[in-house]
Structures are given as structure tokens and as C-alpha cells.
Amino acid sequence: MIIVTGATGQLGHQIVERLLTLVPADRVGVSVRDPQKAQMLADRGVRVRQGSFTDPAALAHAFEGASQVLIVSVDKMGDECVRQHRTAIEAAVAAGARRILYTSQMGAGATSHFQACRDHAATEEQLRACGVPFTSLRNGFYAASAAHFLGHAADAGELALPADGPVAWTAHADLADAAAAILADEGRFDGPTPPLTAGQTLTFDDIAAITARLTGRAVTRTTTTDEEFRRQLTGQGVPSETAAQLLGIFAASRAGEFAMVDPTLAQLIGREPITVETVLREHLLKG
């Protein structure tokens, strides 16, 4: 049985939906914090069990009978993130999984400027040491984050952010398709995958220009200092630690950590990846 964690989250839910087009529902199980939110999956024949990365006993039940376990990384950073991933890895090993898969990120490395990438690197080290074959999905930077940083710039006419560098912004939908394809073809990748990225890199100058084109309104990209951005975030109630972590994204992009483009994602999904313009158009329509 293929077990997917976080199956009610933005990425995990899409992975399960794609996986159900490739394998029978009775071969798929999900581990979720709130099984009621996954009732629609249970109605389709998916095994739904409660599981939490902070509860080893619950994970043992959720992972029972697993042939593969996909650990969708938590939305935390720092020591707590790495601890939770360790708990999930240990539970997958104890359940007898033949392979553990993990949603990592391009740029994962112990010296990254971005905390999340350092956390991914630490988790990958745990996977190397766990004694079970693993696949680490080196996902491109989420295009949804570009839309988040865009915020209300289309209305304000200004996109004010720290200096950045080129980023291979990549859609959740494409990464879900790739994860499902890899789960359905066990052992296709051993260890970290090549970067799973969209077909181009863009800076926030490019994103401002795309936004202007989509809306027909001028959007000026202005550059704040890191400290100005930090003060702006904390003034909005963002914890200082979180503000520092967000600034790490810009420092990492300036260092070129997210600038690689690779054809592997397109090969896996059998088509050209979704463009940032498409993601931004959807974001602007919702706004």
C-alpha cells in the first residue's frame, strides 16, 4: 500500500488525486491529522487513518502495511521541523516500508541562506541513515509563493520587496503529477531527484511586468532593504523569527540557489510545466 501524509493539504491532496488515476484506490492510504476532512477520499475506497508527526503511536497505525510512504514536509522551519520529519521516517521504517519518499526542495543544502533548505538537507541526511531506500523530491520553488509575495501590488501599483534573484517558480499541480508518477513507478529515482522545475526562471521584476500585462495597470517594482522589509513584517504582527526566515528566501535567490532549470519535471509529467503567468492569472482572478 502507498501511504501519503498530509493528504488534506495543498500539495498532498493533489498528489492523492493524481495517484488515484494511476493505481487502484485500495492500494492507496492516507495519514491525516483530521480524518473527517478526508471523508471524500474514504468514500472513494482510500484507506484513511489519523496520523500526526508528533504522535509515533498514531503514525504506526497510519503506516501499517505500507510498501511506500510519501512524507510531505511540514509547514514549519527549524529544529521542530526536523524532529517531526525524523518521527515520520522512523515510523515508516518500523512499518516495513520498502521505500520512503520525501518532498524536499531545490537548493536543499546545509549552507543554504534559507532555513527551509537547511531543514530539507538535515531530513535528507536522516533518510540516508535510515537503512531504507529513499527518494527525495527536489521540488522547484512553489509558484504560489510568488503570488503570495505579489499580494495586492496590482491594486497598489507597486511591488516593494528586497533585492532578489532568478527563481524557477513551479506549480503545485505539476509537482503533484510528478510525485504521483514516481510513486506509481517505484524505484524510478534513488536518492535526491534532479531539480523538479518549471521551464524558466523569473525575478520579481519579471513578475511585476507580467502582473502589469495581465491587469492592464502599471506595477512598479521597487527594492526595499532587508531591514526595511523585516520591520514591515514585524509591524504587521509577523514574529521576528518568521520574518528572518522569509528574508532568507531573498538572500538565497540572490545567491542563485533557485536559479537552476531542469527538464526532468516536463519528462515526468509528459508536457510543458504550467507557467508562472498562468498561476498569477488565477491568483489575480481570485483576488
C-alpha atoms as a PDB file:
ATOM      1  CA  MET A   1       0.000   0.000   0.000  1.00  0.00           C
ATOM      2  CA  ILE A   2       1.181   3.512  -0.854  1.00  0.00           C
ATOM      3  CA  ILE A   3       0.752   5.880   2.098  1.00  0.00           C
ATOM      4  CA  VAL A   4       0.654   9.661   1.593  1.00  0.00           C
ATOM      5  CA  THR A   5       0.878  12.010   4.557  1.00  0.00           C
ATOM      6  CA  GLY A   6      -0.672  15.463   4.681  1.00  0.00           C
ATOM      7  CA  ALA A   7      -3.341  14.391   2.223  1.00  0.00           C
ATOM      8  CA  THR A   8      -5.685  17.260   3.050  1.00  0.00           C
ATOM      9  CA  GLY A   9      -3.013  19.912   2.426  1.00  0.00           C
ATOM     10  CA  GLN A  10      -2.457  21.856  -0.780  1.00  0.00           C
ATOM     11  CA  LEU A  11       0.202  19.547  -2.199  1.00  0.00           C
ATOM     12  CA  GLY A  12      -0.727  16.260  -0.525  1.00  0.00           C
ATOM     13  CA  HIS A  13      -4.350  16.425  -1.660  1.00  0.00           C
ATOM     14  CA  GLN A  14      -3.342  16.962  -5.281  1.00  0.00           C
ATOM     15  CA  ILE A  15      -0.821  14.124  -5.109  1.00  0.00           C
ATOM     16  CA  VAL A  16      -3.503  11.696  -3.931  1.00  0.00           C
ATOM     17  CA  GLU A  17      -5.900  12.842  -6.645  1.00  0.00           C
ATOM     18  CA  ARG A  18      -3.279  12.233  -9.344  1.00  0.00           C
ATOM     19  CA  LEU A  19      -2.231   8.925  -7.793  1.00  0.00           C
ATOM     20  CA  LEU A  20      -5.813   7.643  -7.944  1.00  0.00           C
ATOM     21  CA  THR A  21      -5.685   7.992 -11.730  1.00  0.00           C
ATOM     22  CA  LEU A  22      -2.673   5.657 -11.803  1.00  0.00           C
ATOM     23  CA  VAL A  23      -3.333   2.958  -9.196  1.00  0.00           C
ATOM     24  CA  PRO A  24      -6.485   1.401  -7.664  1.00  0.00           C
ATOM     25  CA  ALA A  25      -7.920   3.172  -4.633  1.00  0.00           C
ATOM     26  CA  ASP A  26      -7.453   0.091  -2.448  1.00  0.00           C
ATOM     27  CA  ARG A  27      -3.689   0.461  -2.895  1.00  0.00           C
ATOM     28  CA  VAL A  28      -3.692   3.997  -1.500  1.00  0.00           C
ATOM     29  CA  GLY A  29      -3.762   5.065   2.138  1.00  0.00           C
ATOM     30  CA  VAL A  30      -3.520   8.488   3.689  1.00  0.00           C
ATOM     31  CA  SER A  31      -2.306   9.718   7.052  1.00  0.00           C
ATOM     32  CA  VAL A  32      -4.094  12.906   8.097  1.00  0.00           C
ATOM     33  CA  ARG A  33      -4.486  14.858  11.325  1.00  0.00           C
ATOM     34  CA  ASP A  34      -8.278  15.112  10.886  1.00  0.00           C
ATOM     35  CA  PRO A  35      -9.849  12.086   9.134  1.00  0.00           C
ATOM     36  CA  GLN A  36     -13.177  13.896   8.746  1.00  0.00           C
ATOM     37  CA  LYS A  37     -11.526  16.253   6.261  1.00  0.00           C
ATOM     38  CA  ALA A  38     -10.576  13.212   4.151  1.00  0.00           C
ATOM     39  CA  GLN A  39     -14.025  11.618   4.155  1.00  0.00           C
ATOM     40  CA  MET A  40     -14.382  12.135   0.398  1.00  0.00           C
ATOM     41  CA  LEU A  41     -11.264  10.020  -0.107  1.00  0.00           C
ATOM     42  CA  ALA A  42     -12.614   7.315   2.200  1.00  0.00           C
ATOM     43  CA  ASP A  43     -15.844   7.284   0.178  1.00  0.00           C
ATOM     44  CA  ARG A  44     -13.755   6.506  -2.915  1.00  0.00           C
ATOM     45  CA  GLY A  45     -12.063   3.499  -1.293  1.00  0.00           C
ATOM     46  CA  VAL A  46      -8.894   5.140   0.030  1.00  0.00           C
ATOM     47  CA  ARG A  47      -7.789   3.966   3.481  1.00  0.00           C
ATOM     48  CA  VAL A  48      -7.948   6.984   5.784  1.00  0.00           C
ATOM     49  CA  ARG A  49      -6.244   6.891   9.180  1.00  0.00           C
ATOM     50  CA  GLN A  50      -5.378   9.538  11.709  1.00  0.00           C
ATOM     51  CA  GLY A  51      -1.701  10.324  11.959  1.00  0.00           C
ATOM     52  CA  SER A  52       0.474  13.127  13.272  1.00  0.00           C
ATOM     53  CA  PHE A  53       4.226  13.651  13.094  1.00  0.00           C
ATOM     54  CA  THR A  54       4.083  14.418  16.820  1.00  0.00           C
ATOM     55  CA  ASP A  55       2.400  11.093  17.684  1.00  0.00           C
ATOM     56  CA  PRO A  56       4.514   7.990  16.896  1.00  0.00           C
ATOM     57  CA  ALA A  57       1.778   5.570  18.006  1.00  0.00           C
ATOM     58  CA  ALA A  58      -0.754   7.110  15.632  1.00  0.00           C
ATOM     59  CA  LEU A  59       1.769   7.004  12.784  1.00  0.00           C
ATOM     60  CA  ALA A  60       2.409   3.306  13.435  1.00  0.00           C
ATOM     61  CA  HIS A  61      -1.293   2.676  12.836  1.00  0.00           C
ATOM     62  CA  ALA A  62      -1.477   5.055   9.853  1.00  0.00           C
ATOM     63  CA  PHE A  63       1.558   3.473   8.157  1.00  0.00           C
ATOM     64  CA  GLU A  64       0.555  -0.148   8.801  1.00  0.00           C
ATOM     65  CA  GLY A  65       1.124  -2.344   5.750  1.00  0.00           C
ATOM     66  CA  ALA A  66       2.964   0.369   3.817  1.00  0.00           C
ATOM     67  CA  SER A  67       5.064  -0.562   0.812  1.00  0.00           C
ATOM     68  CA  GLN A  68       5.931   3.089   0.180  1.00  0.00           C
ATOM     69  CA  VAL A  69       5.442   6.136   2.375  1.00  0.00           C
ATOM     70  CA  LEU A  70       5.468   9.662   0.976  1.00  0.00           C
ATOM     71  CA  ILE A  71       6.323  12.142   3.727  1.00  0.00           C
ATOM     72  CA  VAL A  72       5.018  15.551   2.732  1.00  0.00           C
ATOM     73  CA  SER A  73       7.218  18.055   4.545  1.00  0.00           C
ATOM     74  CA  VAL A  74       5.645  20.078   7.340  1.00  0.00           C
ATOM     75  CA  ASP A  75       4.961  23.795   7.093  1.00  0.00           C
ATOM     76  CA  LYS A  76       7.416  24.632   9.868  1.00  0.00           C
ATOM     77  CA  MET A  77      11.089  25.542   9.910  1.00  0.00           C
ATOM     78  CA  GLY A  78      13.934  24.843  12.281  1.00  0.00           C
ATOM     79  CA  ASP A  79      14.540  22.137  14.854  1.00  0.00           C
ATOM     80  CA  GLU A  80      10.855  21.268  15.316  1.00  0.00           C
ATOM     81  CA  CYS A  81      10.501  20.629  11.577  1.00  0.00           C
ATOM     82  CA  VAL A  82      13.470  18.255  11.524  1.00  0.00           C
ATOM     83  CA  ARG A  83      12.254  16.441  14.650  1.00  0.00           C
ATOM     84  CA  GLN A  84       8.832  15.842  13.134  1.00  0.00           C
ATOM     85  CA  HIS A  85      10.355  14.525   9.916  1.00  0.00           C
ATOM     86  CA  ARG A  86      12.562  12.171  11.955  1.00  0.00           C
ATOM     87  CA  THR A  87       9.478  10.807  13.717  1.00  0.00           C
ATOM     88  CA  ALA A  88       7.805  10.132  10.366  1.00  0.00           C
ATOM     89  CA  ILE A  89      10.903   8.456   8.925  1.00  0.00           C
ATOM     90  CA  GLU A  90      11.275   6.214  11.965  1.00  0.00           C
ATOM     91  CA  ALA A  91       7.603   5.237  11.744  1.00  0.00           C
ATOM     92  CA  ALA A  92       7.933   4.366   8.051  1.00  0.00           C
ATOM     93  CA  VAL A  93      10.985   2.196   8.776  1.00  0.00           C
ATOM     94  CA  ALA A  94       9.194   0.453  11.645  1.00  0.00           C
ATOM     95  CA  ALA A  95       6.188  -0.190   9.386  1.00  0.00           C
ATOM     96  CA  GLY A  96       8.431  -2.104   6.966  1.00  0.00           C
ATOM     97  CA  ALA A  97       8.143   0.298   4.030  1.00  0.00           C
ATOM     98  CA  ARG A  98      10.317  -0.700   1.078  1.00  0.00           C
ATOM     99  CA  ARG A  99      10.869   2.931   0.112  1.00  0.00           C
ATOM    100  CA  ILE A 100      10.418   6.318   1.774  1.00  0.00           C
ATOM    101  CA  LEU A 101       9.748   9.372  -0.357  1.00  0.00           C
ATOM    102  CA  TYR A 102      10.020  12.956   0.860  1.00  0.00           C
ATOM    103  CA  THR A 103       9.025  16.322  -0.563  1.00  0.00           C
ATOM    104  CA  SER A 104      12.294  18.260  -0.414  1.00  0.00           C
ATOM    105  CA  GLN A 105      13.227  21.391  -2.356  1.00  0.00           C
ATOM    106  CA  MET A 106      15.694  22.531  -4.956  1.00  0.00           C
ATOM    107  CA  GLY A 107      18.575  24.239  -3.208  1.00  0.00           C
ATOM    108  CA  ALA A 108      18.467  21.870  -0.240  1.00  0.00           C
ATOM    109  CA  GLY A 109      21.820  22.179   1.488  1.00  0.00           C
ATOM    110  CA  ALA A 110      23.383  22.622   4.892  1.00  0.00           C
ATOM    111  CA  THR A 111      24.790  26.041   3.974  1.00  0.00           C
ATOM    112  CA  SER A 112      21.702  27.463   2.263  1.00  0.00           C
ATOM    113  CA  HIS A 113      20.670  31.016   3.074  1.00  0.00           C
ATOM    114  CA  PHE A 114      17.074  29.747   3.502  1.00  0.00           C
ATOM    115  CA  GLN A 115      16.187  27.870   6.685  1.00  0.00           C
ATOM    116  CA  ALA A 116      13.759  25.513   4.939  1.00  0.00           C
ATOM    117  CA  CYS A 117      16.507  24.326   2.588  1.00  0.00           C
ATOM    118  CA  ARG A 118      18.771  23.626   5.563  1.00  0.00           C
ATOM    119  CA  ASP A 119      15.910  21.672   7.155  1.00  0.00           C
ATOM    120  CA  HIS A 120      15.440  19.676   3.960  1.00  0.00           C
ATOM    121  CA  ALA A 121      19.151  18.879   3.906  1.00  0.00           C
ATOM    122  CA  ALA A 122      19.004  17.667   7.519  1.00  0.00           C
ATOM    123  CA  THR A 123      15.991  15.482   6.703  1.00  0.00           C
ATOM    124  CA  GLU A 124      17.768  14.010   3.687  1.00  0.00           C
ATOM    125  CA  GLU A 125      20.685  13.086   5.965  1.00  0.00           C
ATOM    126  CA  GLN A 126      18.231  11.241   8.202  1.00  0.00           C
ATOM    127  CA  LEU A 127      16.887   9.418   5.168  1.00  0.00           C
ATOM    128  CA  ARG A 128      20.395   8.375   4.099  1.00  0.00           C
ATOM    129  CA  ALA A 129      20.976   6.934   7.551  1.00  0.00           C
ATOM    130  CA  CYS A 130      17.632   5.173   7.994  1.00  0.00           C
ATOM    131  CA  GLY A 131      18.592   1.960   6.181  1.00  0.00           C
ATOM    132  CA  VAL A 132      15.641   2.023   3.745  1.00  0.00           C
ATOM    133  CA  PRO A 133      15.848   3.118   0.085  1.00  0.00           C
ATOM    134  CA  PHE A 134      14.566   6.657  -0.321  1.00  0.00           C
ATOM    135  CA  THR A 135      13.631   9.203  -2.939  1.00  0.00           C
ATOM    136  CA  SER A 136      13.881  12.893  -2.166  1.00  0.00           C
ATOM    137  CA  LEU A 137      11.740  15.018  -4.474  1.00  0.00           C
ATOM    138  CA  ARG A 138      13.763  18.195  -5.057  1.00  0.00           C
ATOM    139  CA  ASN A 139      10.737  20.350  -5.848  1.00  0.00           C
ATOM    140  CA  GLY A 140      11.078  23.702  -7.554  1.00  0.00           C
ATOM    141  CA  PHE A 141      10.151  26.764  -5.519  1.00  0.00           C
ATOM    142  CA  TYR A 142       6.361  26.993  -5.294  1.00  0.00           C
ATOM    143  CA  ALA A 143       4.852  29.460  -7.741  1.00  0.00           C
ATOM    144  CA  ALA A 144       2.119  30.046  -5.165  1.00  0.00           C
ATOM    145  CA  SER A 145       4.767  31.822  -3.084  1.00  0.00           C
ATOM    146  CA  ALA A 146       5.330  34.306  -5.886  1.00  0.00           C
ATOM    147  CA  ALA A 147       1.603  35.021  -5.894  1.00  0.00           C
ATOM    148  CA  HIS A 148       1.700  35.410  -2.102  1.00  0.00           C
ATOM    149  CA  PHE A 149       4.535  37.930  -2.255  1.00  0.00           C
ATOM    150  CA  LEU A 150       2.699  39.761  -5.032  1.00  0.00           C
ATOM    151  CA  GLY A 151      -0.110  40.397  -2.566  1.00  0.00           C
ATOM    152  CA  HIS A 152      -2.118  43.495  -3.510  1.00  0.00           C
ATOM    153  CA  ALA A 153       0.593  45.015  -5.683  1.00  0.00           C
ATOM    154  CA  ALA A 154      -1.753  45.047  -8.689  1.00  0.00           C
ATOM    155  CA  ASP A 155      -4.088  47.402  -6.807  1.00  0.00           C
ATOM    156  CA  ALA A 156      -1.338  49.442  -5.172  1.00  0.00           C
ATOM    157  CA  GLY A 157       0.683  49.769  -8.364  1.00  0.00           C
ATOM    158  CA  GLU A 158       3.892  48.909  -6.533  1.00  0.00           C
ATOM    159  CA  LEU A 159       5.686  45.673  -5.693  1.00  0.00           C
ATOM    160  CA  ALA A 160       8.064  46.554  -2.851  1.00  0.00           C
ATOM    161  CA  LEU A 161      10.340  43.672  -1.848  1.00  0.00           C
ATOM    162  CA  PRO A 162      14.030  43.096  -1.044  1.00  0.00           C
ATOM    163  CA  ALA A 163      16.516  42.524  -3.851  1.00  0.00           C
ATOM    164  CA  ASP A 164      16.099  39.060  -5.335  1.00  0.00           C
ATOM    165  CA  GLY A 165      17.484  36.732  -7.963  1.00  0.00           C
ATOM    166  CA  PRO A 166      16.043  34.378 -10.591  1.00  0.00           C
ATOM    167  CA  VAL A 167      13.774  31.603  -9.292  1.00  0.00           C
ATOM    168  CA  ALA A 168      12.376  28.540 -11.075  1.00  0.00           C
ATOM    169  CA  TRP A 169       8.830  29.107  -9.812  1.00  0.00           C
ATOM    170  CA  THR A 170       6.930  25.817 -10.158  1.00  0.00           C
ATOM    171  CA  ALA A 171       3.220  24.989  -9.854  1.00  0.00           C
ATOM    172  CA  HIS A 172       1.865  22.671  -7.153  1.00  0.00           C
ATOM    173  CA  ALA A 173      -0.205  20.846  -9.784  1.00  0.00           C
ATOM    174  CA  ASP A 174       2.893  19.879 -11.782  1.00  0.00           C
ATOM    175  CA  LEU A 175       4.772  18.732  -8.698  1.00  0.00           C
ATOM    176  CA  ALA A 176       1.764  16.637  -7.681  1.00  0.00           C
ATOM    177  CA  ASP A 177       1.705  14.985 -11.098  1.00  0.00           C
ATOM    178  CA  ALA A 178       5.414  14.218 -10.801  1.00  0.00           C
ATOM    179  CA  ALA A 179       5.115  12.784  -7.286  1.00  0.00           C
ATOM    180  CA  ALA A 180       2.248  10.527  -8.343  1.00  0.00           C
ATOM    181  CA  ALA A 181       4.198   9.299 -11.370  1.00  0.00           C
ATOM    182  CA  ILE A 182       7.205   8.453  -9.190  1.00  0.00           C
ATOM    183  CA  LEU A 183       5.056   6.667  -6.596  1.00  0.00           C
ATOM    184  CA  ALA A 184       3.377   4.605  -9.308  1.00  0.00           C
ATOM    185  CA  ASP A 185       6.786   3.620 -10.752  1.00  0.00           C
ATOM    186  CA  GLU A 186       8.564   2.507  -7.583  1.00  0.00           C
ATOM    187  CA  GLY A 187      12.309   2.938  -7.633  1.00  0.00           C
ATOM    188  CA  ARG A 188      12.377   5.266 -10.620  1.00  0.00           C
ATOM    189  CA  PHE A 189      14.669   7.590  -8.648  1.00  0.00           C
ATOM    190  CA  ASP A 190      17.002   6.580  -5.855  1.00  0.00           C
ATOM    191  CA  GLY A 191      18.131   9.362  -3.542  1.00  0.00           C
ATOM    192  CA  PRO A 192      17.540  13.019  -4.474  1.00  0.00           C
ATOM    193  CA  THR A 193      15.910  13.669  -7.831  1.00  0.00           C
ATOM    194  CA  PRO A 194      17.205  16.307 -10.217  1.00  0.00           C
ATOM    195  CA  PRO A 195      15.539  19.673  -9.558  1.00  0.00           C
ATOM    196  CA  LEU A 196      11.858  19.356 -10.495  1.00  0.00           C
ATOM    197  CA  THR A 197      11.360  22.781 -12.006  1.00  0.00           C
ATOM    198  CA  ALA A 198       9.273  24.715 -14.469  1.00  0.00           C
ATOM    199  CA  GLY A 199      10.840  25.761 -17.743  1.00  0.00           C
ATOM    200  CA  GLN A 200      12.130  29.244 -16.902  1.00  0.00           C
ATOM    201  CA  THR A 201      13.416  31.414 -14.095  1.00  0.00           C
ATOM    202  CA  LEU A 202      11.908  34.773 -13.238  1.00  0.00           C
ATOM    203  CA  THR A 203      12.737  37.626 -10.895  1.00  0.00           C
ATOM    204  CA  PHE A 204      10.229  39.894  -9.193  1.00  0.00           C
ATOM    205  CA  ASP A 205      10.965  42.459 -11.907  1.00  0.00           C
ATOM    206  CA  ASP A 206       9.552  39.890 -14.338  1.00  0.00           C
ATOM    207  CA  ILE A 207       6.601  39.147 -12.050  1.00  0.00           C
ATOM    208  CA  ALA A 208       5.739  42.844 -11.795  1.00  0.00           C
ATOM    209  CA  ALA A 209       5.831  43.091 -15.596  1.00  0.00           C
ATOM    210  CA  ILE A 210       3.612  40.006 -16.001  1.00  0.00           C
ATOM    211  CA  THR A 211       1.153  41.415 -13.473  1.00  0.00           C
ATOM    212  CA  ALA A 212       1.007  44.712 -15.335  1.00  0.00           C
ATOM    213  CA  ARG A 213       0.356  42.884 -18.590  1.00  0.00           C
ATOM    214  CA  LEU A 214      -2.385  40.737 -17.074  1.00  0.00           C
ATOM    215  CA  THR A 215      -4.171  43.626 -15.368  1.00  0.00           C
ATOM    216  CA  GLY A 216      -3.508  46.429 -17.824  1.00  0.00           C
ATOM    217  CA  ARG A 217      -2.310  48.555 -14.889  1.00  0.00           C
ATOM    218  CA  ALA A 218       1.188  49.828 -14.194  1.00  0.00           C
ATOM    219  CA  VAL A 219       3.040  47.910 -11.487  1.00  0.00           C
ATOM    220  CA  THR A 220       6.406  49.300 -10.419  1.00  0.00           C
ATOM    221  CA  ARG A 221       8.968  47.011  -8.814  1.00  0.00           C
ATOM    222  CA  THR A 222      10.789  48.850  -6.030  1.00  0.00           C
ATOM    223  CA  THR A 223      13.561  47.457  -3.848  1.00  0.00           C
ATOM    224  CA  THR A 224      13.481  47.700  -0.074  1.00  0.00           C
ATOM    225  CA  THR A 225      16.403  46.952   2.179  1.00  0.00           C
ATOM    226  CA  ASP A 226      16.259  43.691   4.094  1.00  0.00           C
ATOM    227  CA  GLU A 227      15.895  45.627   7.336  1.00  0.00           C
ATOM    228  CA  GLU A 228      13.006  47.699   5.963  1.00  0.00           C
ATOM    229  CA  PHE A 229      11.241  44.532   4.911  1.00  0.00           C
ATOM    230  CA  ARG A 230      11.862  42.948   8.303  1.00  0.00           C
ATOM    231  CA  ARG A 231      10.376  45.980  10.082  1.00  0.00           C
ATOM    232  CA  GLN A 232       7.389  45.946   7.731  1.00  0.00           C
ATOM    233  CA  LEU A 233       6.682  42.293   8.504  1.00  0.00           C
ATOM    234  CA  THR A 234       7.088  42.602  12.266  1.00  0.00           C
ATOM    235  CA  GLY A 235       4.927  45.722  12.175  1.00  0.00           C
ATOM    236  CA  GLN A 236       2.193  43.571  10.657  1.00  0.00           C
ATOM    237  CA  GLY A 237       2.473  41.146  13.548  1.00  0.00           C
ATOM    238  CA  VAL A 238       4.784  38.594  11.928  1.00  0.00           C
ATOM    239  CA  PRO A 239       7.085  37.020  14.555  1.00  0.00           C
ATOM    240  CA  SER A 240      10.695  38.154  14.221  1.00  0.00           C
ATOM    241  CA  GLU A 241      11.903  34.573  13.646  1.00  0.00           C
ATOM    242  CA  THR A 242       9.420  34.105  10.810  1.00  0.00           C
ATOM    243  CA  ALA A 243      10.422  37.443   9.284  1.00  0.00           C
ATOM    244  CA  ALA A 244      14.053  36.351   9.294  1.00  0.00           C
ATOM    245  CA  GLN A 245      13.099  33.064   7.632  1.00  0.00           C
ATOM    246  CA  LEU A 246      11.178  34.878   4.900  1.00  0.00           C
ATOM    247  CA  LEU A 247      14.146  37.150   4.284  1.00  0.00           C
ATOM    248  CA  GLY A 248      16.185  34.003   3.749  1.00  0.00           C
ATOM    249  CA  ILE A 249      14.220  33.358   0.557  1.00  0.00           C
ATOM    250  CA  PHE A 250      15.535  36.597  -0.934  1.00  0.00           C
ATOM    251  CA  ALA A 251      19.088  36.007   0.265  1.00  0.00           C
ATOM    252  CA  ALA A 252      19.027  32.502  -1.236  1.00  0.00           C
ATOM    253  CA  SER A 253      17.630  33.711  -4.546  1.00  0.00           C
ATOM    254  CA  ARG A 254      20.291  36.438  -4.728  1.00  0.00           C
ATOM    255  CA  ALA A 255      22.879  33.684  -4.251  1.00  0.00           C
ATOM    256  CA  GLY A 256      21.415  31.742  -7.192  1.00  0.00           C
ATOM    257  CA  GLU A 257      20.120  28.841  -5.091  1.00  0.00           C
ATOM    258  CA  PHE A 258      16.824  28.630  -7.004  1.00  0.00           C
ATOM    259  CA  ALA A 259      18.098  29.570 -10.468  1.00  0.00           C
ATOM    260  CA  MET A 260      18.516  26.093 -11.980  1.00  0.00           C
ATOM    261  CA  VAL A 261      16.114  24.858 -14.664  1.00  0.00           C
ATOM    262  CA  ASP A 262      15.947  21.138 -15.409  1.00  0.00           C
ATOM    263  CA  PRO A 263      13.899  19.109 -17.944  1.00  0.00           C
ATOM    264  CA  THR A 264      13.096  16.246 -15.541  1.00  0.00           C
ATOM    265  CA  LEU A 265       9.710  17.610 -14.436  1.00  0.00           C
ATOM    266  CA  ALA A 266       8.480  18.034 -18.005  1.00  0.00           C
ATOM    267  CA  GLN A 267       9.642  14.499 -18.824  1.00  0.00           C
ATOM    268  CA  LEU A 268       7.830  13.063 -15.811  1.00  0.00           C
ATOM    269  CA  ILE A 269       4.516  14.751 -16.499  1.00  0.00           C
ATOM    270  CA  GLY A 270       4.677  14.418 -20.289  1.00  0.00           C
ATOM    271  CA  ARG A 271       4.044  18.092 -21.063  1.00  0.00           C
ATOM    272  CA  GLU A 272       5.454  21.539 -20.563  1.00  0.00           C
ATOM    273  CA  PRO A 273       5.070  22.733 -16.969  1.00  0.00           C
ATOM    274  CA  ILE A 274       2.497  25.366 -16.045  1.00  0.00           C
ATOM    275  CA  THR A 275       3.860  28.892 -16.398  1.00  0.00           C
ATOM    276  CA  VAL A 276       4.054  31.487 -13.660  1.00  0.00           C
ATOM    277  CA  GLU A 277       1.808  33.682 -15.784  1.00  0.00           C
ATOM    278  CA  THR A 278      -0.944  31.050 -15.535  1.00  0.00           C
ATOM    279  CA  VAL A 279      -0.549  30.847 -11.750  1.00  0.00           C
ATOM    280  CA  LEU A 280      -0.597  34.636 -11.413  1.00  0.00           C
ATOM    281  CA  ARG A 281      -3.660  34.933 -13.638  1.00  0.00           C
ATOM    282  CA  GLU A 282      -5.550  32.530 -11.381  1.00  0.00           C
ATOM    283  CA  HIS A 283      -4.372  34.421  -8.298  1.00  0.00           C
ATOM    284  CA  LEU A 284      -5.470  37.758  -9.705  1.00  0.00           C
ATOM    285  CA  LEU A 285      -8.865  36.389 -10.697  1.00  0.00           C
ATOM    286  CA  LYS A 286      -9.418  35.104  -7.148  1.00  0.00           C
ATOM    287  CA  GLY A 287      -8.348  38.452  -5.755  1.00  0.00           C
END
